[in-house]
Amino acid sequence: MKRAIFSILYVLVIAANASAQNVSDELSLDDAPALQPVVESPVVISYAIKQIIRSKNIVIVESSVESPFRSGKIFLATFPDGHQCTLELQEVNRKLMAFDASDCNQGTPLTLTTPVEPSLLVESPSMMKPVAPAAGTKASTSTKAKGRSPFSATLYYSVADKVIFKNAQATTGSGTGTIEASYDSKGSFGFGANYLNPAEYSWGLTGSLLYEPRRKVSSLTMKGPSGNYNNAFSTQPEFSIFIVEAGIAYKWSKAYLPLSLNYSVPALTYASNTEVWDITGTVGGNLGFGYLFSENSACEVFLRAIGLKGRATDASTAVDFGSGYLTGFGVGYKYYF
């Protein structure tokens, strides 16, 4: 009897162990779904140009997050052809940043779609300070202003070769009459200094001091009611002209359009025992079109009218030429310092 009871208990224990093993297998971690790590997407910071104030060389950029940068941080603007220009951070107001865009005003103009990004350069406090000159060297006494200098030296050639006086007054022994007078000359080289300083896409001031040396007068022609008179000079008069110009100019990215008035100061040389000539200056004008090929070089085409007044007398005739103009096209080269 006891043996039968022990046999039954043994069978029950074996069955209980088998059931527990099955439950353990069902709860095994191998059959549980694997836990996946939670990965957050990185925050992408974007920058976009919102305003371009060309007359002040200021660009306003908005960041997608509040800007962590301080004044002096360098950003780069990248153009479609791959070249870049630098923007220097001036002020920060939360997401808005104001940059000095002086370095970007000579090449391809910035637009609202031009991409900008922070430079990889990390500014340290030592980089923000001026570098002391090395021992034995002299510190520079001046710094170059940002952008192109407004001052240039110019060399040009003018094809103007005729001065025309529409309302000259000729007086002879028989009376006074109105005639048209002109004298023929030749084209001349000229040189001088120029000032041009408008910001991009705006109006500004321009001015010039020019000198054209030794124009020779080959002949004088007078047309009147009684016919025409032509005098070819055996000894040719010569005159040089000092010109002062002042006006305004409009500038695009590289091209510019100057409009100005001028005043001439001529000097005449003429050796004659029978005639007396006198020539003075008056107001004229200039219209041009120029193009900046580089930071320092420009070419300009112009139409210039130089105002002149003159008188001539001999033993029997006096001519008051009144006001006339030496008008013609020209082309010049300018080098900016």
C-alpha atoms as a PDB file:
ATOM      1  CA  MET A   1       0.000   0.000   0.000  1.00  0.00           C
ATOM      2  CA  LYS A   2       2.778   2.377   0.951  1.00  0.00           C
ATOM      3  CA  ARG A   3       4.617   1.520  -2.236  1.00  0.00           C
ATOM      4  CA  ALA A   4       1.540   2.426  -4.301  1.00  0.00           C
ATOM      5  CA  ILE A   5       1.209   5.794  -2.525  1.00  0.00           C
ATOM      6  CA  PHE A   6       4.897   6.608  -3.126  1.00  0.00           C
ATOM      7  CA  SER A   7       4.498   5.705  -6.792  1.00  0.00           C
ATOM      8  CA  ILE A   8       1.541   8.049  -7.144  1.00  0.00           C
ATOM      9  CA  LEU A   9       3.443  10.914  -5.398  1.00  0.00           C
ATOM     10  CA  TYR A  10       6.472  10.342  -7.630  1.00  0.00           C
ATOM     11  CA  VAL A  11       4.330  10.607 -10.751  1.00  0.00           C
ATOM     12  CA  LEU A  12       2.718  13.830  -9.461  1.00  0.00           C
ATOM     13  CA  VAL A  13       6.143  15.434  -8.747  1.00  0.00           C
ATOM     14  CA  ILE A  14       7.407  14.534 -12.211  1.00  0.00           C
ATOM     15  CA  ALA A  15       4.259  16.020 -13.778  1.00  0.00           C
ATOM     16  CA  ALA A  16       4.588  19.219 -11.710  1.00  0.00           C
ATOM     17  CA  ASN A  17       8.222  19.671 -12.759  1.00  0.00           C
ATOM     18  CA  ALA A  18       7.314  19.197 -16.413  1.00  0.00           C
ATOM     19  CA  SER A  19       4.509  21.760 -16.152  1.00  0.00           C
ATOM     20  CA  ALA A  20       6.835  24.300 -14.493  1.00  0.00           C
ATOM     21  CA  GLN A  21       9.424  23.784 -17.238  1.00  0.00           C
ATOM     22  CA  ASN A  22       6.780  24.450 -19.912  1.00  0.00           C
ATOM     23  CA  VAL A  23       5.727  27.684 -18.203  1.00  0.00           C
ATOM     24  CA  SER A  24       9.373  28.781 -17.963  1.00  0.00           C
ATOM     25  CA  ASP A  25       9.890  28.097 -21.661  1.00  0.00           C
ATOM     26  CA  GLU A  26       6.814  30.116 -22.542  1.00  0.00           C
ATOM     27  CA  LEU A  27       8.128  33.091 -20.539  1.00  0.00           C
ATOM     28  CA  SER A  28      11.664  32.863 -21.984  1.00  0.00           C
ATOM     29  CA  LEU A  29      13.232  36.176 -23.067  1.00  0.00           C
ATOM     30  CA  ASP A  30      14.268  34.533 -26.293  1.00  0.00           C
ATOM     31  CA  ASP A  31      10.642  34.559 -27.385  1.00  0.00           C
ATOM     32  CA  ALA A  32       9.985  38.156 -26.195  1.00  0.00           C
ATOM     33  CA  PRO A  33      10.236  40.999 -28.718  1.00  0.00           C
ATOM     34  CA  ALA A  34      13.623  42.784 -28.654  1.00  0.00           C
ATOM     35  CA  LEU A  35      13.686  46.263 -27.099  1.00  0.00           C
ATOM     36  CA  GLN A  36      14.659  48.930 -29.714  1.00  0.00           C
ATOM     37  CA  PRO A  37      16.709  52.005 -28.630  1.00  0.00           C
ATOM     38  CA  VAL A  38      14.980  55.366 -29.086  1.00  0.00           C
ATOM     39  CA  VAL A  39      17.012  57.559 -31.510  1.00  0.00           C
ATOM     40  CA  GLU A  40      16.137  61.256 -31.814  1.00  0.00           C
ATOM     41  CA  SER A  41      16.617  63.037 -35.169  1.00  0.00           C
ATOM     42  CA  PRO A  42      19.364  65.722 -35.073  1.00  0.00           C
ATOM     43  CA  VAL A  43      18.222  69.349 -35.050  1.00  0.00           C
ATOM     44  CA  VAL A  44      18.937  70.966 -38.429  1.00  0.00           C
ATOM     45  CA  ILE A  45      19.648  74.698 -38.160  1.00  0.00           C
ATOM     46  CA  SER A  46      18.933  76.740 -41.263  1.00  0.00           C
ATOM     47  CA  TYR A  47      19.772  80.326 -42.194  1.00  0.00           C
ATOM     48  CA  ALA A  48      17.993  82.546 -44.711  1.00  0.00           C
ATOM     49  CA  ILE A  49      18.622  86.080 -45.947  1.00  0.00           C
ATOM     50  CA  LYS A  50      15.586  88.228 -45.157  1.00  0.00           C
ATOM     51  CA  GLN A  51      16.696  91.742 -46.091  1.00  0.00           C
ATOM     52  CA  ILE A  52      19.530  93.300 -48.135  1.00  0.00           C
ATOM     53  CA  ILE A  53      20.235  96.995 -47.472  1.00  0.00           C
ATOM     54  CA  ARG A  54      22.714  97.696 -50.256  1.00  0.00           C
ATOM     55  CA  SER A  55      23.197 101.401 -49.542  1.00  0.00           C
ATOM     56  CA  LYS A  56      24.520 100.505 -46.059  1.00  0.00           C
ATOM     57  CA  ASN A  57      26.188  97.161 -46.915  1.00  0.00           C
ATOM     58  CA  ILE A  58      23.947  95.428 -44.354  1.00  0.00           C
ATOM     59  CA  VAL A  59      22.351  91.979 -44.668  1.00  0.00           C
ATOM     60  CA  ILE A  60      19.727  90.641 -42.235  1.00  0.00           C
ATOM     61  CA  VAL A  61      19.752  86.845 -41.780  1.00  0.00           C
ATOM     62  CA  GLU A  62      17.189  84.792 -39.849  1.00  0.00           C
ATOM     63  CA  SER A  63      18.156  81.570 -38.065  1.00  0.00           C
ATOM     64  CA  SER A  64      15.715  78.717 -37.465  1.00  0.00           C
ATOM     65  CA  VAL A  65      16.769  78.733 -33.794  1.00  0.00           C
ATOM     66  CA  GLU A  66      17.959  81.445 -31.452  1.00  0.00           C
ATOM     67  CA  SER A  67      21.465  82.421 -32.529  1.00  0.00           C
ATOM     68  CA  PRO A  68      24.324  81.385 -30.214  1.00  0.00           C
ATOM     69  CA  PHE A  69      26.884  83.541 -32.046  1.00  0.00           C
ATOM     70  CA  ARG A  70      28.371  86.848 -30.970  1.00  0.00           C
ATOM     71  CA  SER A  71      29.647  89.878 -32.861  1.00  0.00           C
ATOM     72  CA  GLY A  72      32.621  89.112 -35.072  1.00  0.00           C
ATOM     73  CA  LYS A  73      31.487  85.643 -36.161  1.00  0.00           C
ATOM     74  CA  ILE A  74      32.179  85.049 -39.858  1.00  0.00           C
ATOM     75  CA  PHE A  75      29.502  83.626 -42.149  1.00  0.00           C
ATOM     76  CA  LEU A  76      29.970  82.689 -45.803  1.00  0.00           C
ATOM     77  CA  ALA A  77      27.631  83.345 -48.728  1.00  0.00           C
ATOM     78  CA  THR A  78      28.023  80.845 -51.578  1.00  0.00           C
ATOM     79  CA  PHE A  79      27.103  81.752 -55.163  1.00  0.00           C
ATOM     80  CA  PRO A  80      26.024  79.378 -57.956  1.00  0.00           C
ATOM     81  CA  ASP A  81      29.482  79.441 -59.574  1.00  0.00           C
ATOM     82  CA  GLY A  82      31.056  78.250 -56.318  1.00  0.00           C
ATOM     83  CA  HIS A  83      32.810  81.428 -55.176  1.00  0.00           C
ATOM     84  CA  GLN A  84      32.146  82.815 -51.716  1.00  0.00           C
ATOM     85  CA  CYS A  85      32.212  86.123 -49.889  1.00  0.00           C
ATOM     86  CA  THR A  86      32.331  86.808 -46.167  1.00  0.00           C
ATOM     87  CA  LEU A  87      29.680  88.303 -43.901  1.00  0.00           C
ATOM     88  CA  GLU A  88      30.792  89.622 -40.513  1.00  0.00           C
ATOM     89  CA  LEU A  89      28.235  89.459 -37.703  1.00  0.00           C
ATOM     90  CA  GLN A  90      27.520  92.856 -36.137  1.00  0.00           C
ATOM     91  CA  GLU A  91      24.398  92.449 -33.989  1.00  0.00           C
ATOM     92  CA  VAL A  92      22.172  89.604 -32.765  1.00  0.00           C
ATOM     93  CA  ASN A  93      18.512  89.829 -31.741  1.00  0.00           C
ATOM     94  CA  ARG A  94      17.319  86.316 -30.892  1.00  0.00           C
ATOM     95  CA  LYS A  95      16.872  84.654 -34.310  1.00  0.00           C
ATOM     96  CA  LEU A  96      17.786  87.743 -36.354  1.00  0.00           C
ATOM     97  CA  MET A  97      21.400  88.613 -37.177  1.00  0.00           C
ATOM     98  CA  ALA A  98      22.758  91.765 -38.852  1.00  0.00           C
ATOM     99  CA  PHE A  99      25.916  91.348 -40.968  1.00  0.00           C
ATOM    100  CA  ASP A 100      28.419  93.707 -42.562  1.00  0.00           C
ATOM    101  CA  ALA A 101      28.361  92.749 -46.277  1.00  0.00           C
ATOM    102  CA  SER A 102      31.199  95.003 -47.500  1.00  0.00           C
ATOM    103  CA  ASP A 103      33.120  92.007 -48.833  1.00  0.00           C
ATOM    104  CA  CYS A 104      30.140  91.000 -50.998  1.00  0.00           C
ATOM    105  CA  ASN A 105      29.539  94.276 -52.857  1.00  0.00           C
ATOM    106  CA  GLN A 106      31.976  93.907 -55.766  1.00  0.00           C
ATOM    107  CA  GLY A 107      31.202  90.580 -57.391  1.00  0.00           C
ATOM    108  CA  THR A 108      27.923  88.787 -57.978  1.00  0.00           C
ATOM    109  CA  PRO A 109      25.229  90.586 -55.955  1.00  0.00           C
ATOM    110  CA  LEU A 110      23.600  88.875 -52.994  1.00  0.00           C
ATOM    111  CA  THR A 111      19.949  87.900 -53.359  1.00  0.00           C
ATOM    112  CA  LEU A 112      17.319  86.644 -50.929  1.00  0.00           C
ATOM    113  CA  THR A 113      17.953  83.087 -52.177  1.00  0.00           C
ATOM    114  CA  THR A 114      21.749  83.127 -51.747  1.00  0.00           C
ATOM    115  CA  PRO A 115      22.616  80.395 -49.197  1.00  0.00           C
ATOM    116  CA  VAL A 116      24.599  81.430 -46.113  1.00  0.00           C
ATOM    117  CA  GLU A 117      26.300  79.350 -43.439  1.00  0.00           C
ATOM    118  CA  PRO A 118      28.648  79.831 -40.476  1.00  0.00           C
ATOM    119  CA  SER A 119      32.322  79.478 -41.305  1.00  0.00           C
ATOM    120  CA  LEU A 120      34.257  76.555 -39.860  1.00  0.00           C
ATOM    121  CA  LEU A 121      36.654  79.017 -38.270  1.00  0.00           C
ATOM    122  CA  VAL A 122      36.315  79.034 -34.483  1.00  0.00           C
ATOM    123  CA  GLU A 123      37.121  82.476 -33.131  1.00  0.00           C
ATOM    124  CA  SER A 124      39.140  82.442 -29.952  1.00  0.00           C
ATOM    125  CA  PRO A 125      39.715  85.549 -27.816  1.00  0.00           C
ATOM    126  CA  SER A 126      43.256  85.809 -29.192  1.00  0.00           C
ATOM    127  CA  MET A 127      41.942  85.797 -32.765  1.00  0.00           C
ATOM    128  CA  MET A 128      39.643  88.708 -32.003  1.00  0.00           C
ATOM    129  CA  LYS A 129      42.581  90.898 -30.948  1.00  0.00           C
ATOM    130  CA  PRO A 130      44.954  92.678 -33.348  1.00  0.00           C
ATOM    131  CA  VAL A 131      48.239  90.860 -33.852  1.00  0.00           C
ATOM    132  CA  ALA A 132      51.225  92.737 -32.492  1.00  0.00           C
ATOM    133  CA  PRO A 133      53.987  93.460 -35.026  1.00  0.00           C
ATOM    134  CA  ALA A 134      57.034  91.258 -34.901  1.00  0.00           C
ATOM    135  CA  ALA A 135      60.177  92.601 -33.279  1.00  0.00           C
ATOM    136  CA  GLY A 136      62.156  94.856 -35.579  1.00  0.00           C
ATOM    137  CA  THR A 137      59.154  95.758 -37.753  1.00  0.00           C
ATOM    138  CA  LYS A 138      56.987  98.853 -37.774  1.00  0.00           C
ATOM    139  CA  ALA A 139      53.276  98.693 -37.215  1.00  0.00           C
ATOM    140  CA  SER A 140      51.131  99.950 -40.055  1.00  0.00           C
ATOM    141  CA  THR A 141      50.006 103.528 -39.518  1.00  0.00           C
ATOM    142  CA  SER A 142      46.819 103.070 -41.498  1.00  0.00           C
ATOM    143  CA  THR A 143      44.357 100.387 -42.492  1.00  0.00           C
ATOM    144  CA  LYS A 144      42.746  99.918 -45.840  1.00  0.00           C
ATOM    145  CA  ALA A 145      39.093 100.849 -45.891  1.00  0.00           C
ATOM    146  CA  LYS A 146      36.637  98.121 -46.690  1.00  0.00           C
ATOM    147  CA  GLY A 147      35.733  97.931 -50.358  1.00  0.00           C
ATOM    148  CA  ARG A 148      37.095  99.850 -53.308  1.00  0.00           C
ATOM    149  CA  SER A 149      38.691 103.274 -52.899  1.00  0.00           C
ATOM    150  CA  PRO A 150      36.637 106.063 -54.529  1.00  0.00           C
ATOM    151  CA  PHE A 151      39.773 107.738 -55.971  1.00  0.00           C
ATOM    152  CA  SER A 152      41.333 106.780 -59.281  1.00  0.00           C
ATOM    153  CA  ALA A 153      43.881 107.940 -61.828  1.00  0.00           C
ATOM    154  CA  THR A 154      42.571 108.097 -65.384  1.00  0.00           C
ATOM    155  CA  LEU A 155      44.063 108.106 -68.872  1.00  0.00           C
ATOM    156  CA  TYR A 156      41.804 108.649 -71.885  1.00  0.00           C
ATOM    157  CA  TYR A 157      41.613 109.629 -75.534  1.00  0.00           C
ATOM    158  CA  SER A 158      38.997 111.996 -76.981  1.00  0.00           C
ATOM    159  CA  VAL A 159      38.200 112.093 -80.704  1.00  0.00           C
ATOM    160  CA  ALA A 160      36.630 115.576 -80.433  1.00  0.00           C
ATOM    161  CA  ASP A 161      38.233 117.628 -83.224  1.00  0.00           C
ATOM    162  CA  LYS A 162      35.925 120.542 -84.034  1.00  0.00           C
ATOM    163  CA  VAL A 163      34.737 123.566 -82.061  1.00  0.00           C
ATOM    164  CA  ILE A 164      31.475 125.006 -83.397  1.00  0.00           C
ATOM    165  CA  PHE A 165      30.196 128.512 -82.616  1.00  0.00           C
ATOM    166  CA  LYS A 166      26.605 128.849 -83.828  1.00  0.00           C
ATOM    167  CA  ASN A 167      26.068 132.572 -83.177  1.00  0.00           C
ATOM    168  CA  ALA A 168      29.345 134.342 -83.780  1.00  0.00           C
ATOM    169  CA  GLN A 169      29.282 138.094 -84.461  1.00  0.00           C
ATOM    170  CA  ALA A 170      31.594 139.395 -87.200  1.00  0.00           C
ATOM    171  CA  THR A 171      32.293 143.115 -87.493  1.00  0.00           C
ATOM    172  CA  THR A 172      33.892 144.643 -90.579  1.00  0.00           C
ATOM    173  CA  GLY A 173      34.044 148.113 -92.110  1.00  0.00           C
ATOM    174  CA  SER A 174      30.625 147.542 -93.693  1.00  0.00           C
ATOM    175  CA  GLY A 175      28.799 146.452 -90.532  1.00  0.00           C
ATOM    176  CA  THR A 176      28.094 143.566 -88.124  1.00  0.00           C
ATOM    177  CA  GLY A 177      26.462 140.243 -88.931  1.00  0.00           C
ATOM    178  CA  THR A 178      25.796 136.824 -87.427  1.00  0.00           C
ATOM    179  CA  ILE A 179      27.812 133.932 -88.781  1.00  0.00           C
ATOM    180  CA  GLU A 180      28.557 130.320 -87.917  1.00  0.00           C
ATOM    181  CA  ALA A 181      32.204 129.735 -87.178  1.00  0.00           C
ATOM    182  CA  SER A 182      34.163 126.577 -86.498  1.00  0.00           C
ATOM    183  CA  TYR A 183      37.749 125.588 -86.242  1.00  0.00           C
ATOM    184  CA  ASP A 184      39.220 122.177 -86.843  1.00  0.00           C
ATOM    185  CA  SER A 185      41.588 120.504 -84.470  1.00  0.00           C
ATOM    186  CA  LYS A 186      42.679 116.953 -83.729  1.00  0.00           C
ATOM    187  CA  GLY A 187      41.811 114.415 -81.066  1.00  0.00           C
ATOM    188  CA  SER A 188      43.813 114.477 -77.871  1.00  0.00           C
ATOM    189  CA  PHE A 189      44.961 112.296 -75.025  1.00  0.00           C
ATOM    190  CA  GLY A 190      44.062 113.403 -71.533  1.00  0.00           C
ATOM    191  CA  PHE A 191      44.825 112.378 -67.986  1.00  0.00           C
ATOM    192  CA  GLY A 192      43.774 113.268 -64.484  1.00  0.00           C
ATOM    193  CA  ALA A 193      42.139 112.146 -61.254  1.00  0.00           C
ATOM    194  CA  ASN A 194      38.594 110.967 -60.629  1.00  0.00           C
ATOM    195  CA  TYR A 195      36.258 110.481 -57.663  1.00  0.00           C
ATOM    196  CA  LEU A 196      33.354 107.997 -57.798  1.00  0.00           C
ATOM    197  CA  ASN A 197      31.631 106.722 -54.669  1.00  0.00           C
ATOM    198  CA  PRO A 198      28.020 105.544 -55.050  1.00  0.00           C
ATOM    199  CA  ALA A 199      27.013 102.365 -53.235  1.00  0.00           C
ATOM    200  CA  GLU A 200      25.636  99.484 -55.283  1.00  0.00           C
ATOM    201  CA  TYR A 201      22.244 100.124 -56.875  1.00  0.00           C
ATOM    202  CA  SER A 202      22.138 103.730 -55.756  1.00  0.00           C
ATOM    203  CA  TRP A 203      23.116 107.277 -56.713  1.00  0.00           C
ATOM    204  CA  GLY A 204      26.282 108.950 -55.500  1.00  0.00           C
ATOM    205  CA  LEU A 205      28.746 111.721 -56.299  1.00  0.00           C
ATOM    206  CA  THR A 206      31.414 111.873 -58.974  1.00  0.00           C
ATOM    207  CA  GLY A 207      34.056 114.427 -59.907  1.00  0.00           C
ATOM    208  CA  SER A 208      37.174 114.802 -62.052  1.00  0.00           C
ATOM    209  CA  LEU A 209      40.219 117.007 -62.554  1.00  0.00           C
ATOM    210  CA  LEU A 210      41.447 116.523 -66.143  1.00  0.00           C
ATOM    211  CA  TYR A 211      44.095 117.941 -68.441  1.00  0.00           C
ATOM    212  CA  GLU A 212      44.271 117.744 -72.255  1.00  0.00           C
ATOM    213  CA  PRO A 213      47.572 119.075 -73.628  1.00  0.00           C
ATOM    214  CA  ARG A 214      48.456 120.734 -76.944  1.00  0.00           C
ATOM    215  CA  ARG A 215      45.545 120.573 -79.338  1.00  0.00           C
ATOM    216  CA  LYS A 216      46.492 122.161 -82.671  1.00  0.00           C
ATOM    217  CA  VAL A 217      44.030 124.258 -84.682  1.00  0.00           C
ATOM    218  CA  SER A 218      44.452 123.457 -88.375  1.00  0.00           C
ATOM    219  CA  SER A 219      41.848 125.770 -89.955  1.00  0.00           C
ATOM    220  CA  LEU A 220      39.060 128.287 -89.320  1.00  0.00           C
ATOM    221  CA  THR A 221      35.776 128.250 -91.275  1.00  0.00           C
ATOM    222  CA  MET A 222      33.128 130.993 -91.212  1.00  0.00           C
ATOM    223  CA  LYS A 223      29.718 130.759 -92.904  1.00  0.00           C
ATOM    224  CA  GLY A 224      27.595 133.862 -93.452  1.00  0.00           C
ATOM    225  CA  PRO A 225      25.042 135.479 -95.777  1.00  0.00           C
ATOM    226  CA  SER A 226      27.752 136.621 -98.158  1.00  0.00           C
ATOM    227  CA  GLY A 227      29.417 133.211 -98.430  1.00  0.00           C
ATOM    228  CA  ASN A 228      31.964 131.008 -96.739  1.00  0.00           C
ATOM    229  CA  TYR A 229      35.472 131.800 -95.621  1.00  0.00           C
ATOM    230  CA  ASN A 230      38.160 129.231 -94.861  1.00  0.00           C
ATOM    231  CA  ASN A 231      41.576 129.963 -93.452  1.00  0.00           C
ATOM    232  CA  ALA A 232      44.245 127.267 -93.196  1.00  0.00           C
ATOM    233  CA  PHE A 233      46.810 128.400 -90.653  1.00  0.00           C
ATOM    234  CA  SER A 234      50.417 128.362 -91.747  1.00  0.00           C
ATOM    235  CA  THR A 235      51.422 128.700 -88.111  1.00  0.00           C
ATOM    236  CA  GLN A 236      48.932 126.583 -86.217  1.00  0.00           C
ATOM    237  CA  PRO A 237      47.562 127.857 -82.903  1.00  0.00           C
ATOM    238  CA  GLU A 238      47.748 125.408 -80.006  1.00  0.00           C
ATOM    239  CA  PHE A 239      45.620 125.229 -76.909  1.00  0.00           C
ATOM    240  CA  SER A 240      45.589 123.066 -73.791  1.00  0.00           C
ATOM    241  CA  ILE A 241      42.539 122.589 -71.580  1.00  0.00           C
ATOM    242  CA  PHE A 242      42.222 122.079 -67.847  1.00  0.00           C
ATOM    243  CA  ILE A 243      38.774 120.611 -67.021  1.00  0.00           C
ATOM    244  CA  VAL A 244      36.904 120.455 -63.710  1.00  0.00           C
ATOM    245  CA  GLU A 245      33.876 118.128 -63.578  1.00  0.00           C
ATOM    246  CA  ALA A 246      31.304 117.482 -60.852  1.00  0.00           C
ATOM    247  CA  GLY A 247      28.064 115.536 -60.923  1.00  0.00           C
ATOM    248  CA  ILE A 248      26.209 112.396 -59.919  1.00  0.00           C
ATOM    249  CA  ALA A 249      26.490 108.740 -60.892  1.00  0.00           C
ATOM    250  CA  TYR A 250      24.330 105.653 -60.613  1.00  0.00           C
ATOM    251  CA  LYS A 251      26.084 102.355 -59.908  1.00  0.00           C
ATOM    252  CA  TRP A 252      24.900  98.803 -60.441  1.00  0.00           C
ATOM    253  CA  SER A 253      27.001  95.845 -59.280  1.00  0.00           C
ATOM    254  CA  LYS A 254      29.905  96.628 -61.631  1.00  0.00           C
ATOM    255  CA  ALA A 255      28.576  99.084 -64.208  1.00  0.00           C
ATOM    256  CA  TYR A 256      28.028 102.774 -63.508  1.00  0.00           C
ATOM    257  CA  LEU A 257      26.556 105.802 -65.300  1.00  0.00           C
ATOM    258  CA  PRO A 258      28.097 109.248 -64.584  1.00  0.00           C
ATOM    259  CA  LEU A 259      26.299 112.516 -65.406  1.00  0.00           C
ATOM    260  CA  SER A 260      28.203 115.732 -64.788  1.00  0.00           C
ATOM    261  CA  LEU A 261      28.789 119.362 -65.666  1.00  0.00           C
ATOM    262  CA  ASN A 262      32.249 120.673 -66.418  1.00  0.00           C
ATOM    263  CA  TYR A 263      34.076 123.957 -66.609  1.00  0.00           C
ATOM    264  CA  SER A 264      37.093 124.441 -68.853  1.00  0.00           C
ATOM    265  CA  VAL A 265      40.159 126.622 -68.414  1.00  0.00           C
ATOM    266  CA  PRO A 266      41.941 126.760 -71.802  1.00  0.00           C
ATOM    267  CA  ALA A 267      45.395 128.145 -72.520  1.00  0.00           C
ATOM    268  CA  LEU A 268      46.131 129.333 -76.102  1.00  0.00           C
ATOM    269  CA  THR A 269      49.512 129.664 -77.777  1.00  0.00           C
ATOM    270  CA  TYR A 270      49.553 131.524 -81.113  1.00  0.00           C
ATOM    271  CA  ALA A 271      52.350 133.618 -82.573  1.00  0.00           C
ATOM    272  CA  SER A 272      51.004 136.084 -85.159  1.00  0.00           C
ATOM    273  CA  ASN A 273      51.948 139.634 -86.065  1.00  0.00           C
ATOM    274  CA  THR A 274      48.592 140.430 -87.703  1.00  0.00           C
ATOM    275  CA  GLU A 275      45.986 138.618 -85.595  1.00  0.00           C
ATOM    276  CA  VAL A 276      45.079 138.576 -81.923  1.00  0.00           C
ATOM    277  CA  TRP A 277      43.261 135.561 -80.505  1.00  0.00           C
ATOM    278  CA  ASP A 278      41.718 135.126 -77.114  1.00  0.00           C
ATOM    279  CA  ILE A 279      40.023 131.998 -75.749  1.00  0.00           C
ATOM    280  CA  THR A 280      38.306 131.388 -72.400  1.00  0.00           C
ATOM    281  CA  GLY A 281      36.256 128.612 -70.846  1.00  0.00           C
ATOM    282  CA  THR A 282      32.603 128.134 -69.992  1.00  0.00           C
ATOM    283  CA  VAL A 283      30.214 125.398 -68.818  1.00  0.00           C
ATOM    284  CA  GLY A 284      29.937 122.061 -70.641  1.00  0.00           C
ATOM    285  CA  GLY A 285      28.689 118.569 -69.852  1.00  0.00           C
ATOM    286  CA  ASN A 286      29.620 114.897 -69.756  1.00  0.00           C
ATOM    287  CA  LEU A 287      27.705 111.617 -70.082  1.00  0.00           C
ATOM    288  CA  GLY A 288      29.488 108.302 -69.655  1.00  0.00           C
ATOM    289  CA  PHE A 289      29.162 104.589 -69.099  1.00  0.00           C
ATOM    290  CA  GLY A 290      31.778 102.648 -67.148  1.00  0.00           C
ATOM    291  CA  TYR A 291      32.432  99.080 -66.077  1.00  0.00           C
ATOM    292  CA  LEU A 292      34.563  97.794 -63.190  1.00  0.00           C
ATOM    293  CA  PHE A 293      36.554  94.825 -64.474  1.00  0.00           C
ATOM    294  CA  SER A 294      38.209  94.240 -61.106  1.00  0.00           C
ATOM    295  CA  GLU A 295      38.620  95.816 -57.693  1.00  0.00           C
ATOM    296  CA  ASN A 296      41.076  98.370 -59.117  1.00  0.00           C
ATOM    297  CA  SER A 297      40.374  98.653 -62.860  1.00  0.00           C
ATOM    298  CA  ALA A 298      37.578 100.219 -64.879  1.00  0.00           C
ATOM    299  CA  CYS A 299      36.966 101.192 -68.489  1.00  0.00           C
ATOM    300  CA  GLU A 300      34.715 104.088 -69.448  1.00  0.00           C
ATOM    301  CA  VAL A 301      33.161 105.378 -72.671  1.00  0.00           C
ATOM    302  CA  PHE A 302      31.970 108.984 -72.623  1.00  0.00           C
ATOM    303  CA  LEU A 303      30.516 111.842 -74.632  1.00  0.00           C
ATOM    304  CA  ARG A 304      31.978 115.149 -73.443  1.00  0.00           C
ATOM    305  CA  ALA A 305      31.154 118.699 -74.515  1.00  0.00           C
ATOM    306  CA  ILE A 306      33.768 121.281 -73.490  1.00  0.00           C
ATOM    307  CA  GLY A 307      32.481 124.853 -73.462  1.00  0.00           C
ATOM    308  CA  LEU A 308      34.701 127.579 -74.961  1.00  0.00           C
ATOM    309  CA  LYS A 309      34.463 131.289 -75.728  1.00  0.00           C
ATOM    310  CA  GLY A 310      36.697 133.130 -78.172  1.00  0.00           C
ATOM    311  CA  ARG A 311      37.551 136.382 -79.923  1.00  0.00           C
ATOM    312  CA  ALA A 312      39.773 137.102 -82.912  1.00  0.00           C
ATOM    313  CA  THR A 313      40.788 140.421 -84.455  1.00  0.00           C
ATOM    314  CA  ASP A 314      42.997 141.619 -87.266  1.00  0.00           C
ATOM    315  CA  ALA A 315      43.439 144.944 -89.031  1.00  0.00           C
ATOM    316  CA  SER A 316      39.997 144.934 -90.698  1.00  0.00           C
ATOM    317  CA  THR A 317      37.800 142.371 -88.923  1.00  0.00           C
ATOM    318  CA  ALA A 318      36.764 141.498 -85.383  1.00  0.00           C
ATOM    319  CA  VAL A 319      34.949 138.258 -84.595  1.00  0.00           C
ATOM    320  CA  ASP A 320      33.249 137.556 -81.282  1.00  0.00           C
ATOM    321  CA  PHE A 321      32.691 133.819 -81.422  1.00  0.00           C
ATOM    322  CA  GLY A 322      30.462 133.742 -78.348  1.00  0.00           C
ATOM    323  CA  SER A 323      30.004 130.304 -76.775  1.00  0.00           C
ATOM    324  CA  GLY A 324      30.828 127.103 -78.617  1.00  0.00           C
ATOM    325  CA  TYR A 325      31.539 123.474 -77.804  1.00  0.00           C
ATOM    326  CA  LEU A 326      34.299 121.001 -78.486  1.00  0.00           C
ATOM    327  CA  THR A 327      32.196 117.828 -78.532  1.00  0.00           C
ATOM    328  CA  GLY A 328      33.165 114.221 -79.123  1.00  0.00           C
ATOM    329  CA  PHE A 329      33.314 110.661 -77.845  1.00  0.00           C
ATOM    330  CA  GLY A 330      36.190 109.218 -75.902  1.00  0.00           C
ATOM    331  CA  VAL A 331      37.344 106.101 -74.097  1.00  0.00           C
ATOM    332  CA  GLY A 332      39.391 105.893 -70.922  1.00  0.00           C
ATOM    333  CA  TYR A 333      40.959 103.594 -68.357  1.00  0.00           C
ATOM    334  CA  LYS A 334      40.770 104.169 -64.598  1.00  0.00           C
ATOM    335  CA  TYR A 335      42.939 102.685 -61.886  1.00  0.00           C
ATOM    336  CA  TYR A 336      41.523 102.826 -58.349  1.00  0.00           C
ATOM    337  CA  PHE A 337      43.958 103.130 -55.461  1.00  0.00           C
END
